[in-house]
């Protein structure tokens, strides 16, 4: 399944985005389906939602914190850049692994994708033995060899054990025969035993039950149960794109009319031909059977709004399905927009964010503990504070909007769209309904925000 999730994350699924179409003459041709690449977008947004440069990591004293941050943000680790990308791929594949080791006296963090990880020791969902796979290629042509290294990681009874196996194959699709690891890598200790209070690896997973393999300790991709929705979105987006190709203006003329006509001869008795239609103009379509008939101008009505509405319906299904609530994504015909509305503490987005922070916090805490031990950093406690700056008190924001309206700094329409989160069409409909209601209970011409006048500077009464 992870291979399928990876294809969707990549944005190019062979058996969906490429398909055959039968033409009117009976032949077939290959077509490529347009995509909004929502799997990638969803994973990006979850990574941004959970992680930013404002996440605060501290130890109990300033010197120790500086030592830790220097290790995390070293040139080799570049944690602030590499970790968000790693987290994005955890959302795409369901699982990722970080491994810490020493190289040339420096502590290095490896960020490993879940599709090259094999668990072999686990209790329930806790993995304490896993294999990571790495491959190198040497030689060219018929002499090409594939060298695969299997690295075993185990942590049990305060002991971290790491050992290697080497396999060599002449085929990309086979593991090959086992070879002497020490012969090719004489400078790497094999096996390696470390007495430690903390494992030197962390398995990052999403807090979602794996309904594809209930016995597996591996995590589930955020994309896993949304494949049908991704297909629906791309099908409708592709139709939206083709609407402009298939619905373009066409002018029907008889095929004889587009032929060049002889209009005379030049001084050398060469016949002069003239064309009355621009052959490069794609609007003209030459057909048989229109002799002595006027040209026909066919201008199709594009169904743009119907497509936009259909795409937005599917986007709502998707955002609700992944836990971001409806309305998180919006397509306006020019491109995809991410909601700028307030994320309040009682929203689906906020609840999902907090839920997903739990395993992130646990793995990050273990990673920091391992680094501190490896770097001999003294500390008594670890503090990890996530960035909740996007979470705001919606009532306070509405009051702010009221104040801005009362001060004459924004219009009623702006207040309703930005602070009450109405769509443009909803604003117009709502204003019309309010006008109708006011006609019944008050003299015509009074503003719905005020009983005094119809000026945009009328005062809004906040509760």
Protein backbone atom coordinates (compact mmCIF):
# COMPACT_ATOMS: atom_id res chain seq x y z
CA UNK A 1 0.00 0.00 0.00
CA UNK A 2 2.87 2.37 0.75
CA UNK A 3 3.89 2.24 -2.92
CA UNK A 4 0.38 3.42 -3.89
CA UNK A 5 0.46 6.25 -1.34
CA UNK A 6 3.85 7.30 -2.68
CA UNK A 7 2.49 7.47 -6.25
CA UNK A 8 -0.36 9.73 -5.16
CA UNK A 9 2.02 11.91 -3.14
CA UNK A 10 4.22 12.15 -6.22
CA UNK A 11 1.14 13.32 -8.15
CA UNK A 12 1.48 10.86 -10.99
CA UNK A 13 -0.45 7.57 -10.79
CA UNK A 14 0.11 5.46 -13.88
CA UNK A 15 -3.24 3.65 -13.94
CA UNK A 16 -5.23 6.83 -13.31
CA UNK A 17 -3.50 9.92 -14.69
CA UNK A 18 -2.71 8.18 -18.00
CA UNK A 19 -5.58 6.64 -19.95
CA UNK A 20 -6.69 5.76 -23.48
CA UNK A 21 -9.47 7.53 -25.37
CA UNK A 22 -11.26 6.13 -28.41
CA UNK A 23 -11.50 8.71 -31.19
CA UNK A 24 -14.31 9.19 -33.69
CA UNK A 25 -12.36 7.32 -36.40
CA UNK A 26 -12.06 4.23 -34.18
CA UNK A 27 -8.41 4.69 -33.25
CA UNK A 28 -7.21 5.30 -29.69
CA UNK A 29 -4.84 7.85 -28.27
CA UNK A 30 -3.18 8.34 -24.90
CA UNK A 31 -4.34 11.17 -22.66
CA UNK A 32 -2.92 12.64 -19.49
CA UNK A 33 -5.38 13.68 -16.79
CA UNK A 34 -4.74 17.08 -15.21
CA UNK A 35 -4.23 17.12 -11.46
CA UNK A 36 -4.51 19.58 -8.58
CA UNK A 37 -1.97 17.35 -6.75
CA UNK A 38 -4.00 17.48 -3.55
CA UNK A 39 -2.12 14.59 -1.84
CA UNK A 40 1.07 16.67 -1.84
CA UNK A 41 -0.85 19.77 -0.73
CA UNK A 42 -2.54 17.96 2.17
CA UNK A 43 0.80 16.60 3.44
CA UNK A 44 2.43 20.04 3.11
CA UNK A 45 -0.36 21.71 5.06
CA UNK A 46 -0.27 19.16 7.86
CA UNK A 47 3.49 19.63 8.18
CA UNK A 48 3.04 23.43 8.34
CA UNK A 49 0.17 23.06 10.80
CA UNK A 50 2.25 20.98 13.21
CA UNK A 51 5.67 22.53 12.75
CA UNK A 52 7.13 25.99 12.27
CA UNK A 53 10.25 27.90 13.19
CA UNK A 54 8.33 29.17 16.23
CA UNK A 55 8.31 25.76 17.96
CA UNK A 56 10.30 26.35 21.15
CA UNK A 57 12.75 23.66 22.32
CA UNK A 58 14.52 24.33 25.61
CA UNK A 59 16.48 22.57 28.29
CA UNK A 60 16.49 23.81 31.86
CA UNK A 61 19.51 26.11 31.36
CA UNK A 62 20.66 28.41 28.60
CA UNK A 63 24.08 26.82 27.97
CA UNK A 64 22.62 23.34 27.55
CA UNK A 65 19.93 24.68 25.23
CA UNK A 66 22.58 26.34 23.05
CA UNK A 67 24.55 23.08 22.85
CA UNK A 68 21.44 21.17 21.81
CA UNK A 69 20.37 23.72 19.18
CA UNK A 70 23.90 23.86 17.78
CA UNK A 71 23.76 20.11 17.20
CA UNK A 72 20.26 20.19 15.72
CA UNK A 73 21.03 23.08 13.40
CA UNK A 74 24.54 22.06 12.40
CA UNK A 75 25.40 22.03 8.72
CA UNK A 76 25.07 18.25 8.68
CA UNK A 77 21.64 18.10 10.36
CA UNK A 78 20.00 21.42 9.40
CA UNK A 79 17.01 20.40 11.49
CA UNK A 80 14.83 23.45 10.79
CA UNK A 81 14.96 22.68 7.06
CA UNK A 82 15.12 18.87 7.00
CA UNK A 83 12.57 18.10 9.69
CA UNK A 84 9.51 19.79 8.08
CA UNK A 85 10.25 17.92 4.83
CA UNK A 86 10.66 14.68 6.76
CA UNK A 87 7.38 15.28 8.62
CA UNK A 88 5.59 15.95 5.34
CA UNK A 89 6.73 12.54 4.04
CA UNK A 90 5.63 10.88 7.29
CA UNK A 91 2.14 12.17 6.53
CA UNK A 92 2.42 10.84 2.97
CA UNK A 93 3.79 7.38 3.81
CA UNK A 94 2.44 6.93 7.32
CA UNK A 95 5.84 6.15 8.85
CA UNK A 96 9.31 7.65 9.06
CA UNK A 97 12.43 6.95 11.12
CA UNK A 98 15.15 9.15 12.57
CA UNK A 99 18.45 7.55 13.51
CA UNK A 100 21.28 9.17 15.49
CA UNK A 101 24.93 8.15 15.17
CA UNK A 102 28.43 9.52 15.49
CA UNK A 103 30.58 10.40 12.49
CA UNK A 104 33.93 12.16 12.74
CA UNK A 105 33.09 13.15 16.30
CA UNK A 106 29.78 14.77 15.29
CA UNK A 107 26.24 13.64 16.10
CA UNK A 108 24.35 13.04 12.87
CA UNK A 109 20.60 12.63 12.41
CA UNK A 110 19.42 10.46 9.52
CA UNK A 111 15.90 11.16 8.22
CA UNK A 112 14.63 7.95 6.64
CA UNK A 113 11.44 7.45 4.63
CA UNK A 114 9.07 4.73 5.76
CA UNK A 115 9.20 2.79 2.48
CA UNK A 116 12.75 1.60 3.24
CA UNK A 117 11.96 0.48 6.81
CA UNK A 118 11.06 -3.07 7.88
CA UNK A 119 10.01 -3.73 11.50
CA UNK A 120 10.88 -7.17 12.89
CA UNK A 121 10.53 -6.72 16.67
CA UNK A 122 7.48 -5.02 18.10
CA UNK A 123 4.85 -5.20 20.81
CA UNK A 124 1.48 -3.87 19.74
CA UNK A 125 2.49 -0.66 17.92
CA UNK A 126 5.82 -0.17 19.73
CA UNK A 127 8.71 -1.04 17.40
CA UNK A 128 12.02 -1.89 19.07
CA UNK A 129 13.69 -3.73 16.21
CA UNK A 130 13.80 -2.54 12.61
CA UNK A 131 15.78 -2.80 9.39
CA UNK A 132 16.69 0.13 7.18
CA UNK A 133 17.64 -0.47 3.55
CA UNK A 134 20.17 1.50 1.51
CA UNK A 135 21.48 0.77 -1.97
CA UNK A 136 24.43 1.96 -4.05
CA UNK A 137 25.26 1.20 -7.69
CA UNK A 138 28.73 0.60 -9.05
CA UNK A 139 29.86 0.02 -12.62
CA UNK A 140 28.09 0.71 -15.90
CA UNK A 141 26.29 -1.29 -18.55
CA UNK A 142 26.55 -5.07 -18.22
CA UNK A 143 29.07 -4.65 -15.37
CA UNK A 144 26.62 -2.72 -13.20
CA UNK A 145 26.34 -4.10 -9.66
CA UNK A 146 23.76 -3.27 -6.98
CA UNK A 147 25.09 -3.17 -3.41
CA UNK A 148 22.35 -3.36 -0.77
CA UNK A 149 23.11 -2.78 2.91
CA UNK A 150 20.61 -3.95 5.51
CA UNK A 151 21.13 -2.17 8.84
CA UNK A 152 19.53 -3.78 11.89
CA UNK A 153 18.59 -1.57 14.84
CA UNK A 154 17.49 -3.05 18.16
CA UNK A 155 16.82 -1.49 21.54
CA UNK A 156 16.10 -3.75 24.48
CA UNK A 157 17.02 -3.78 28.18
CA UNK A 158 18.91 -0.48 27.85
CA UNK A 159 21.09 -1.84 25.06
CA UNK A 160 21.21 -0.49 21.52
CA UNK A 161 22.51 -3.03 19.02
CA UNK A 162 23.38 -2.15 15.45
CA UNK A 163 24.70 -4.53 12.83
CA UNK A 164 24.96 -4.75 9.06
CA UNK A 165 24.52 -7.23 6.22
CA UNK A 166 25.78 -6.68 2.67
CA UNK A 167 24.20 -8.15 -0.48
CA UNK A 168 25.39 -7.82 -4.07
CA UNK A 169 23.27 -8.38 -7.18
CA UNK A 170 23.54 -7.80 -10.92
CA UNK A 171 19.79 -7.16 -11.07
CA UNK A 172 17.97 -4.11 -9.74
CA UNK A 173 15.02 -6.24 -8.66
CA UNK A 174 16.79 -8.85 -6.54
CA UNK A 175 18.65 -8.70 -3.24
CA UNK A 176 21.47 -10.94 -4.48
CA UNK A 177 24.02 -12.91 -2.50
CA UNK A 178 25.33 -11.99 0.93
CA UNK A 179 28.94 -10.78 0.97
CA UNK A 180 31.49 -10.00 3.68
CA UNK A 181 30.50 -6.55 5.00
CA UNK A 182 33.88 -5.93 6.66
CA UNK A 183 35.71 -6.43 3.38
CA UNK A 184 33.90 -3.55 1.67
CA UNK A 185 33.48 -1.38 4.80
CA UNK A 186 36.52 -2.11 7.00
CA UNK A 187 36.19 1.12 9.04
CA UNK A 188 32.65 0.47 10.28
CA UNK A 189 32.24 -1.46 13.51
CA UNK A 190 29.99 -4.47 13.00
CA UNK A 191 28.18 -5.27 15.25
CA UNK A 192 28.01 -2.25 17.56
CA UNK A 193 26.75 -2.44 21.17
CA UNK A 194 25.89 0.68 23.17
CA UNK A 195 24.69 0.86 26.76
CA UNK A 196 22.12 3.66 26.76
CA UNK A 197 18.98 4.87 28.48
CA UNK A 198 17.56 6.00 25.15
CA UNK A 199 17.18 4.25 21.79
CA UNK A 200 19.21 5.74 18.97
CA UNK A 201 16.22 5.61 16.65
CA UNK A 202 12.64 6.92 16.70
CA UNK A 203 9.69 5.67 14.67
CA UNK A 204 7.37 8.51 13.65
CA UNK A 205 3.77 7.56 12.94
CA UNK A 206 0.40 9.26 12.69
CA UNK A 207 -2.19 8.72 15.47
CA UNK A 208 -4.49 6.93 13.03
CA UNK A 209 -5.45 3.25 13.28
CA UNK A 210 -4.14 1.17 10.38
CA UNK A 211 -7.33 -0.22 8.83
CA UNK A 212 -5.43 -1.66 5.84
CA UNK A 213 -3.34 -4.05 7.95
CA UNK A 214 -4.64 -4.19 11.51
CA UNK A 215 -1.76 -6.43 12.65
CA UNK A 216 0.99 -4.17 11.31
CA UNK A 217 2.91 -1.83 13.65
CA UNK A 218 3.51 0.54 10.73
CA UNK A 219 1.61 3.81 10.52
CA UNK A 220 -1.16 4.78 8.14
CA UNK A 221 -0.79 7.53 5.56
CA UNK A 222 -3.07 10.55 5.86
CA UNK A 223 -3.83 9.82 2.18
CA UNK A 224 -4.81 6.19 2.67
CA UNK A 225 -8.59 6.50 2.98
CA UNK A 226 -8.90 9.48 0.62
CA UNK A 227 -7.89 7.94 -2.72
CA UNK A 228 -11.43 8.01 -4.16
CA UNK A 229 -11.70 11.69 -3.24
CA UNK A 230 -8.39 12.48 -4.96
CA UNK A 231 -9.69 10.71 -8.08
CA UNK A 232 -12.94 12.68 -7.99
CA UNK A 233 -11.09 15.99 -7.59
CA UNK A 234 -8.70 15.32 -10.47
CA UNK A 235 -11.50 14.01 -12.70
CA UNK A 236 -13.50 17.20 -12.20
CA UNK A 237 -10.44 19.45 -12.48
CA UNK A 238 -9.43 17.74 -15.73
CA UNK A 239 -12.97 18.25 -17.04
CA UNK A 240 -12.77 21.92 -16.01
CA UNK A 241 -9.53 22.31 -17.96
CA UNK A 242 -10.91 20.54 -21.05
CA UNK A 243 -14.03 22.71 -20.94
CA UNK A 244 -11.96 25.58 -22.32
CA UNK A 245 -10.53 23.40 -25.09
CA UNK A 246 -13.73 21.65 -26.15
CA UNK A 247 -15.91 24.72 -25.65
CA UNK A 248 -13.85 27.18 -27.64
CA UNK A 249 -15.48 29.25 -30.39
CA UNK A 250 -15.74 27.60 -33.81
CA UNK A 251 -16.71 29.02 -37.24
CA UNK A 252 -18.00 26.43 -39.72
CA UNK A 253 -17.26 27.04 -43.41
CA UNK A 254 -17.44 24.88 -46.50
CA UNK A 255 -14.12 23.20 -47.23
CA UNK A 256 -14.01 24.76 -50.70
CA UNK A 257 -14.02 28.22 -49.13
CA UNK A 258 -10.68 27.75 -47.43
CA UNK A 259 -8.94 26.83 -50.66
CA UNK A 260 -6.91 29.54 -52.32
CA UNK A 261 -8.68 31.18 -55.27
CA UNK A 262 -7.05 32.33 -58.49
CA UNK A 263 -7.44 36.09 -58.81
CA UNK A 264 -5.35 36.82 -61.90
CA UNK A 265 -1.81 36.65 -63.23
CA UNK A 266 1.29 38.67 -62.58
CA UNK A 267 3.60 40.26 -65.15
CA UNK A 268 5.34 36.90 -65.68
CA UNK A 269 2.03 35.14 -66.38
CA UNK A 270 2.15 33.35 -63.01
CA UNK A 271 -1.28 32.78 -61.47
CA UNK A 272 -1.93 34.81 -58.33
CA UNK A 273 -3.80 32.98 -55.55
CA UNK A 274 -5.55 34.60 -52.64
CA UNK A 275 -6.89 33.08 -49.42
CA UNK A 276 -9.94 34.57 -47.76
CA UNK A 277 -9.42 32.79 -44.45
CA UNK A 278 -6.47 32.79 -42.08
CA UNK A 279 -5.24 29.19 -42.08
CA UNK A 280 -3.61 29.75 -38.67
CA UNK A 281 -6.89 30.76 -37.03
CA UNK A 282 -8.08 27.74 -35.05
CA UNK A 283 -11.62 29.09 -34.90
CA UNK A 284 -12.30 28.06 -38.52
CA UNK A 285 -13.43 24.47 -39.15
CA UNK A 286 -13.81 23.34 -42.78
CA UNK A 287 -16.51 20.73 -43.46
CA UNK A 288 -18.34 19.29 -46.43
CA UNK A 289 -21.92 20.10 -47.36
CA UNK A 290 -22.07 23.85 -46.78
CA UNK A 291 -22.06 24.90 -50.43
CA UNK A 292 -23.70 28.29 -50.91
CA UNK A 293 -24.49 28.47 -47.20
CA UNK A 294 -23.42 31.29 -44.91
CA UNK A 295 -20.73 30.57 -42.39
CA UNK A 296 -21.97 29.39 -38.99
CA UNK A 297 -20.54 30.90 -35.83
CA UNK A 298 -20.76 28.46 -32.90
CA UNK A 299 -19.93 29.98 -29.55
CA UNK A 300 -20.39 27.49 -26.70
CA UNK A 301 -21.39 28.53 -23.20
CA UNK A 302 -18.67 27.39 -20.80
CA UNK A 303 -19.85 25.59 -17.66
CA UNK A 304 -17.16 27.12 -15.49
CA UNK A 305 -19.23 27.78 -12.39
CA UNK A 306 -20.70 24.28 -12.42
CA UNK A 307 -17.18 22.84 -12.49
CA UNK A 308 -15.94 25.18 -9.76
CA UNK A 309 -18.86 24.23 -7.52
CA UNK A 310 -18.28 20.52 -8.13
CA UNK A 311 -14.55 20.79 -7.36
CA UNK A 312 -15.27 22.73 -4.16
CA UNK A 313 -17.76 20.08 -3.07
CA UNK A 314 -15.08 17.41 -3.45
CA UNK A 315 -12.52 19.59 -1.65
CA UNK A 316 -14.92 19.88 1.28
CA UNK A 317 -15.29 16.10 1.41
CA UNK A 318 -11.50 15.76 1.38
CA UNK A 319 -10.71 18.36 4.04
CA UNK A 320 -13.39 16.91 6.32
CA UNK A 321 -12.03 13.40 5.66
CA UNK A 322 -8.49 14.25 6.80
CA UNK A 323 -9.72 16.14 9.85
CA UNK A 324 -9.32 19.74 8.69
CA UNK A 325 -13.05 20.49 8.62
CA UNK A 326 -15.06 21.71 5.64
CA UNK A 327 -13.97 24.87 3.88
CA UNK A 328 -10.24 24.46 4.47
CA UNK A 329 -9.63 24.38 0.70
CA UNK A 330 -11.30 26.43 -2.01
CA UNK A 331 -10.95 26.48 -5.80
CA UNK A 332 -11.86 29.77 -7.49
CA UNK A 333 -11.09 28.96 -11.12
CA UNK A 334 -7.67 30.59 -11.00
CA UNK A 335 -6.16 28.12 -8.58
CA UNK A 336 -6.39 26.44 -5.22
CA UNK A 337 -6.70 28.59 -2.11
CA UNK A 338 -6.09 27.55 1.48
CA UNK A 339 -8.57 28.94 3.96
CA UNK A 340 -7.45 32.05 5.79
CA UNK A 341 -10.31 31.84 8.25
CA UNK A 342 -9.70 31.72 11.97
CA UNK A 343 -8.66 28.42 13.52
CA UNK A 344 -10.47 28.47 16.85
CA UNK A 345 -10.06 26.11 19.78
CA UNK A 346 -13.34 24.34 19.03
CA UNK A 347 -12.64 23.78 15.33
CA UNK A 348 -11.94 20.41 13.67
CA UNK A 349 -8.58 21.76 12.49
CA UNK A 350 -7.45 22.62 16.01
CA UNK A 351 -8.58 19.29 17.47
CA UNK A 352 -6.73 17.42 14.71
CA UNK A 353 -3.61 19.54 15.25
CA UNK A 354 -3.54 18.76 18.98
CA UNK A 355 -4.22 15.06 18.38
CA UNK A 356 -1.32 14.78 15.93
CA UNK A 357 1.05 16.63 18.26
CA UNK A 358 1.04 13.76 20.77
CA UNK A 359 3.24 11.27 18.81
CA UNK A 360 5.34 14.13 17.40
CA UNK A 361 6.08 15.31 20.95
CA UNK A 362 6.98 11.79 22.12
CA UNK A 363 9.39 11.11 19.24
CA UNK A 364 10.94 14.57 19.46
CA UNK A 365 11.45 14.14 23.20
CA UNK A 366 13.24 10.80 22.63
CA UNK A 367 15.38 12.27 19.83
CA UNK A 368 16.47 15.19 22.05
CA UNK A 369 17.22 12.80 24.93
CA UNK A 370 19.41 10.65 22.67
CA UNK A 371 21.29 13.69 21.33
CA UNK A 372 21.90 15.06 24.82
CA UNK A 373 23.34 11.71 25.89
CA UNK A 374 25.55 11.46 22.80
CA UNK A 375 26.77 15.05 23.17
CA UNK A 376 27.10 14.77 26.98
CA UNK A 377 24.73 17.72 27.46
CA UNK A 378 23.67 18.09 31.09
CA UNK A 379 20.00 18.80 31.72
CA UNK A 380 17.19 18.10 34.16
CA UNK A 381 14.15 18.65 31.97
CA UNK A 382 13.16 19.11 28.33
CA UNK A 383 10.57 21.69 27.31
CA UNK A 384 8.86 21.51 23.90
CA UNK A 385 6.25 24.19 23.17
CA UNK A 386 4.38 23.99 19.88
CA UNK A 387 3.38 27.06 17.90
CA UNK A 388 -0.30 27.83 18.54
CA UNK A 389 -0.20 31.34 17.08
CA UNK A 390 -2.71 30.35 14.39
CA UNK A 391 -5.28 29.58 17.08
CA UNK A 392 -7.26 32.68 17.88
CA UNK A 393 -10.32 33.64 19.88
CA UNK A 394 -12.98 33.96 17.20
CA UNK A 395 -15.31 36.05 19.37
CA UNK A 396 -12.50 38.55 19.96
CA UNK A 397 -11.83 38.76 16.22
CA UNK A 398 -15.50 39.37 15.44
CA UNK A 399 -15.47 42.19 18.01
CA UNK A 400 -12.40 43.61 16.29
CA UNK A 401 -14.23 43.49 12.95
CA UNK A 402 -17.17 45.31 14.52
CA UNK A 403 -14.82 48.01 15.82
CA UNK A 404 -13.21 48.41 12.39
CA UNK A 405 -16.62 48.71 10.75
CA UNK A 406 -17.77 51.27 13.31
CA UNK A 407 -14.63 53.29 12.66
CA UNK A 408 -15.44 53.35 8.94
CA UNK A 409 -12.31 51.34 8.03
CA UNK A 410 -14.05 48.39 6.40
CA UNK A 411 -17.35 47.87 4.57
CA UNK A 412 -20.23 45.64 5.61
CA UNK A 413 -19.28 43.21 2.85
CA UNK A 414 -15.69 43.01 4.12
CA UNK A 415 -16.91 42.48 7.69
CA UNK A 416 -19.18 39.62 6.63
CA UNK A 417 -16.62 37.89 4.39
CA UNK A 418 -13.52 38.24 6.60
CA UNK A 419 -14.93 38.05 10.11
CA UNK A 420 -18.09 35.98 9.58
CA UNK A 421 -16.48 33.83 6.82
CA UNK A 422 -19.27 34.25 4.27
CA UNK A 423 -18.60 33.47 0.61
CA UNK A 424 -19.07 36.35 -1.84
CA UNK A 425 -22.37 34.94 -3.09
CA UNK A 426 -23.53 34.40 0.49
CA UNK A 427 -22.79 38.01 1.38
CA UNK A 428 -24.99 39.30 -1.44
CA UNK A 429 -27.78 36.84 -0.64
CA UNK A 430 -27.64 37.64 3.06
CA UNK A 431 -27.76 41.39 2.50
CA UNK A 432 -30.80 40.97 0.25
CA UNK A 433 -32.55 38.80 2.83
CA UNK A 434 -31.80 41.31 5.58
CA UNK A 435 -33.22 44.11 3.43
CA UNK A 436 -36.39 42.12 2.91
CA UNK A 437 -36.69 41.39 6.62
CA UNK A 438 -36.18 45.04 7.48
CA UNK A 439 -38.95 46.11 5.11
CA UNK A 440 -41.37 44.10 7.20
CA UNK A 441 -40.38 45.39 10.64
CA UNK A 442 -39.10 48.90 9.93
CA UNK A 443 -39.40 51.77 7.42
CA UNK A 444 -37.70 51.15 4.09
CA UNK A 445 -34.20 52.57 3.68
CA UNK A 446 -32.83 51.81 7.14
CA UNK A 447 -29.47 50.01 7.32
CA UNK A 448 -29.42 46.51 8.76
CA UNK A 449 -26.54 47.42 11.05
CA UNK A 450 -28.22 50.55 12.30
CA UNK A 451 -31.64 52.06 12.84
CA UNK A 452 -30.37 55.52 11.89
CA UNK A 453 -29.17 55.65 8.27
CA UNK A 454 -27.75 53.65 5.34
CA UNK A 455 -24.20 54.94 5.49
CA UNK A 456 -21.32 52.43 5.65
CA UNK A 457 -20.11 54.30 8.72
CA UNK A 458 -23.17 53.19 10.69
CA UNK A 459 -22.36 51.76 14.08
CA UNK A 460 -22.49 48.01 14.66
CA UNK A 461 -23.67 47.10 18.14
CA UNK A 462 -21.38 44.38 19.52
CA UNK A 463 -22.60 42.03 22.16
